[in-house]
Amino acid sequence: HHLRSSITKQAKDYADQSPALEDTNTLALDQKLALCFGSEVPGLTQTAHELADEYIRIPMCGLTQSLNLSVTAGISLYHLTKKMRDSNINWQLSEDDRTELYIDWLSKSTPTGKTLLDKFTKEMGSDSN
């Protein structure tokens, strides 16, 4: 219990000292954005902190002083994607980009995916001649 208390205190102390803590609503979506998440004990690296332009805080109520990393990522991504979908920003992939991404995923989704894709591409090329 003492270890948990000191870790929580260290995380809270660091969070209280972090500059520019912001809500996800203030993040600009019209430019590239990378979200970095750190675990409770080690957190983010010093380099990640130095390179960060902004920090966000997820408000917590009650006795909770920290959230599981996957919960934090899920909450953040939910709010950002909702904001993106509600905006006028053209964020969707083009049909060509979607097809390319889908083919890439398919070729990597099975151990023989690359071989199957190469065979399919070769057959499609010979059909067009």
Protein backbone atom coordinates (compact mmCIF):
# COMPACT_ATOMS: atom_id res chain seq x y z
CA HIS A 1 0.00 0.00 0.00
CA HIS A 2 2.86 2.39 0.78
CA LEU A 3 4.43 1.79 -2.66
CA ARG A 4 1.13 2.57 -4.39
CA SER A 5 0.75 5.76 -2.34
CA SER A 6 4.22 7.04 -3.20
CA ILE A 7 3.79 6.22 -6.91
CA THR A 8 0.45 8.04 -6.99
CA LYS A 9 1.97 11.02 -5.17
CA GLN A 10 4.89 11.13 -7.64
CA ALA A 11 2.50 10.97 -10.62
CA LYS A 12 0.28 13.67 -9.10
CA ASP A 13 3.28 15.88 -8.30
CA TYR A 14 4.54 15.55 -11.87
CA ALA A 15 1.10 16.20 -13.37
CA ASP A 16 0.70 19.29 -11.20
CA GLN A 17 4.03 20.63 -12.51
CA SER A 18 3.30 19.90 -16.20
CA PRO A 19 2.92 23.02 -18.32
CA ALA A 20 -0.10 23.88 -20.45
CA LEU A 21 -2.47 21.17 -19.30
CA GLU A 22 -5.38 21.35 -21.71
CA ASP A 23 -8.68 19.75 -22.54
CA THR A 24 -8.90 17.70 -25.77
CA ASN A 25 -11.35 20.33 -27.07
CA THR A 26 -8.49 22.82 -27.46
CA LEU A 27 -6.30 20.59 -29.63
CA ALA A 28 -6.12 21.64 -33.29
CA LEU A 29 -7.17 18.91 -35.70
CA ASP A 30 -6.13 20.63 -38.91
CA GLN A 31 -2.54 19.43 -38.54
CA LYS A 32 -0.82 16.16 -37.72
CA LEU A 33 -1.16 15.06 -34.12
CA ALA A 34 0.67 12.39 -32.16
CA LEU A 35 -0.61 11.22 -28.81
CA CYS A 36 1.93 9.79 -26.38
CA PHE A 37 0.90 7.88 -23.29
CA GLY A 38 3.16 6.85 -20.44
CA SER A 39 2.62 4.25 -17.78
CA GLU A 40 2.09 5.31 -14.20
CA VAL A 41 5.53 4.57 -12.78
CA PRO A 42 8.04 5.55 -15.48
CA GLY A 43 5.66 7.78 -17.44
CA LEU A 44 6.93 9.36 -20.64
CA THR A 45 10.61 9.75 -21.34
CA GLN A 46 12.26 13.10 -20.69
CA THR A 47 12.70 13.47 -24.47
CA ALA A 48 8.96 12.99 -25.03
CA HIS A 49 8.23 15.66 -22.42
CA GLU A 50 10.71 18.06 -24.02
CA LEU A 51 9.27 17.52 -27.52
CA ALA A 52 5.63 17.86 -26.48
CA ASP A 53 3.85 21.00 -27.62
CA GLU A 54 0.82 20.45 -25.40
CA TYR A 55 -0.39 18.26 -22.57
CA ILE A 56 -3.91 17.14 -21.86
CA ARG A 57 -5.48 16.13 -18.59
CA ILE A 58 -8.48 13.90 -18.18
CA PRO A 59 -10.53 15.18 -15.24
CA MET A 60 -11.22 12.56 -12.58
CA CYS A 61 -13.80 12.61 -9.82
CA GLY A 62 -13.82 11.03 -6.42
CA LEU A 63 -10.88 9.11 -5.05
CA THR A 64 -9.44 8.08 -8.43
CA GLN A 65 -6.02 9.62 -8.95
CA SER A 66 -4.94 7.72 -12.04
CA LEU A 67 -6.44 5.77 -14.92
CA ASN A 68 -5.28 2.63 -16.66
CA LEU A 69 -3.24 3.48 -19.77
CA SER A 70 -5.67 1.76 -22.14
CA VAL A 71 -8.60 3.61 -20.55
CA THR A 72 -6.75 6.91 -20.94
CA ALA A 73 -5.99 6.16 -24.61
CA GLY A 74 -9.60 5.14 -25.24
CA ILE A 75 -11.05 8.28 -23.64
CA SER A 76 -8.62 10.50 -25.54
CA LEU A 77 -9.25 8.84 -28.90
CA TYR A 78 -13.02 8.89 -28.38
CA HIS A 79 -13.05 12.64 -27.71
CA LEU A 80 -10.66 13.45 -30.56
CA THR A 81 -12.48 11.31 -33.14
CA LYS A 82 -15.84 12.75 -32.07
CA LYS A 83 -14.43 16.26 -32.43
CA MET A 84 -12.98 15.34 -35.82
CA ARG A 85 -16.25 13.85 -37.09
CA ASP A 86 -18.19 16.91 -35.88
CA SER A 87 -15.80 19.28 -37.66
CA ASN A 88 -15.65 20.51 -41.25
CA ILE A 89 -12.17 19.05 -41.71
CA ASN A 90 -11.79 16.57 -44.58
CA TRP A 91 -10.18 13.80 -42.55
CA GLN A 92 -11.34 10.75 -44.51
CA LEU A 93 -8.93 8.68 -46.57
CA SER A 94 -9.35 8.78 -50.34
CA GLU A 95 -10.67 5.66 -52.05
CA ASP A 96 -7.15 4.89 -53.35
CA ASP A 97 -5.63 5.32 -49.87
CA ARG A 98 -8.30 3.07 -48.33
CA THR A 99 -7.69 0.39 -50.97
CA GLU A 100 -3.92 0.56 -50.51
CA LEU A 101 -4.25 0.34 -46.72
CA TYR A 102 -6.69 -2.56 -47.00
CA ILE A 103 -4.41 -4.50 -49.36
CA ASP A 104 -1.44 -3.85 -47.07
CA TRP A 105 -3.44 -5.12 -44.08
CA LEU A 106 -4.63 -8.20 -45.98
CA SER A 107 -1.09 -9.05 -47.09
CA LYS A 108 0.13 -8.89 -43.48
CA SER A 109 -2.85 -10.56 -41.82
CA THR A 110 -1.76 -14.13 -42.60
CA PRO A 111 1.65 -15.78 -42.82
CA THR A 112 1.12 -16.35 -46.57
CA GLY A 113 -0.53 -12.99 -47.24
CA LYS A 114 2.41 -11.50 -49.14
CA THR A 115 2.70 -14.60 -51.34
CA LEU A 116 -1.04 -14.55 -52.08
CA LEU A 117 -0.92 -10.84 -52.90
CA ASP A 118 2.06 -11.31 -55.23
CA LYS A 119 0.26 -14.21 -56.99
CA PHE A 120 -2.94 -12.16 -57.32
CA THR A 121 -1.04 -9.13 -58.67
CA LYS A 122 0.79 -11.31 -61.20
CA GLU A 123 -2.46 -12.94 -62.35
CA MET A 124 -4.21 -9.57 -62.67
CA GLY A 125 -1.30 -8.27 -64.74
CA SER A 126 -1.47 -11.24 -67.13
CA ASP A 127 -5.29 -10.87 -67.48
CA SER A 128 -4.94 -7.30 -68.69
CA ASN A 129 -2.64 -8.31 -71.60
